[in-house]
Amino acid sequence: MKLKKLEYHERNVPYGKIDKKHSYEESVHLVYKVFQNLDHVFGKIFKNFVESGKIDVFPKKGKRSGAFCSDNLIFQPTYLMLNHTDKLNDILTIAHEAGHGINSELMKQKQNALNFGTVLSTAEVASTFMEDFVLQEIMKTADEELKLSLMVEKLNNDIATIFRQIACYNFEKELHYHFRERGYLPKKEIGKIFQKNMSAYMGDHVEQSPGSENWWIYWNHIRNFFYVYSYASGLLISKAMQKKVKENPRFIGKVKEFLSAGLSDSPKNIFLALGIDITKKEFWNSGTEEISSLLKETENLAIKLKKI
């Protein structure tokens, strides 16, 4: 963007144009191809969602916005709720929600009703795992201009999901500490705490614009105390597992074991059974290394295209 500094609200401005249309049928075909290549069981479950009418696809009057996976009880069908509008991002949404759905169906095969479900810290692993592999498939056939736009958007999303959520978690910790100490905090002080933690992850190249100290007000996740860490933990676990699958495709069997485990044990023990120790700093670093790798690749492409 050729700016020395971004205003606070400019940090999420999209780069380039991602305007190619993708029909629902084309999107489903692509997602199925990726899932089938990862593991035929993933492809089979997704195909069943599509063919048995368990996906509510298009926007309509009275339907809420966004997308989600509905899998409340072990004996109830799993449904995927979408609002497909032929945008490229809608392909990723299908992959994301189908990831939740596959997670649900695999648990049904192995767990009882009491162990059916996911803990908050791992709730977003399946969804982001599937979504990232679909994005990588899209980038294989994208021209360099589109690829750069997609890579910048992906970096932005990863920063928001990991670094921003961790900054918010630190804000919450500090906020609750001072509140318990004093029993009351005026909005000015809350704003200072918020701005301090937001600037910690944004660095020197984003302006803490006047008014941005109050942006904690609209952030509804904060009302659900310490919820935000689940986004960061889920994506970092997902990225670490993606790296293992890329290094050894047979590791997908271990991924299936994790997706089938539900609430049968603690996340720590479930991962230990797969040969992964989530108490080690190295495991979490392997997730951030995936982002570093994408950053380097994006920077090199931007230099090649003379954008920087």
Foldseek 3Di string as FASTA:
>chain_A
DPDQAAEQVCLQPFPADQDDFADPVRLLVLLLVLLVVLPVLLNVQSVCQVVVVQEQEADDPPDDADWAWDDPWLPDQIHTYHHDDRGPVSSLSSQLRSLLNSLQVLQSVPHDRVQRAADLQANRQSRLLSSVSSLVVVLVPDPLSVNLSSLVNVLSVLCCLAVVLVLVLQLLVVVVVVCVVPVDDDLVVSLVSSLVSNCVSVDDRYDCDPPVSNVVVVVVVVVVPSSSNSSNSNQLLNQLLSVVCVVPSVLSVLVSQLSNRGNVDDPQVSVVVSVDHPVDPVSSVSSVVSSVVSVVVSVVSCVVVVVD
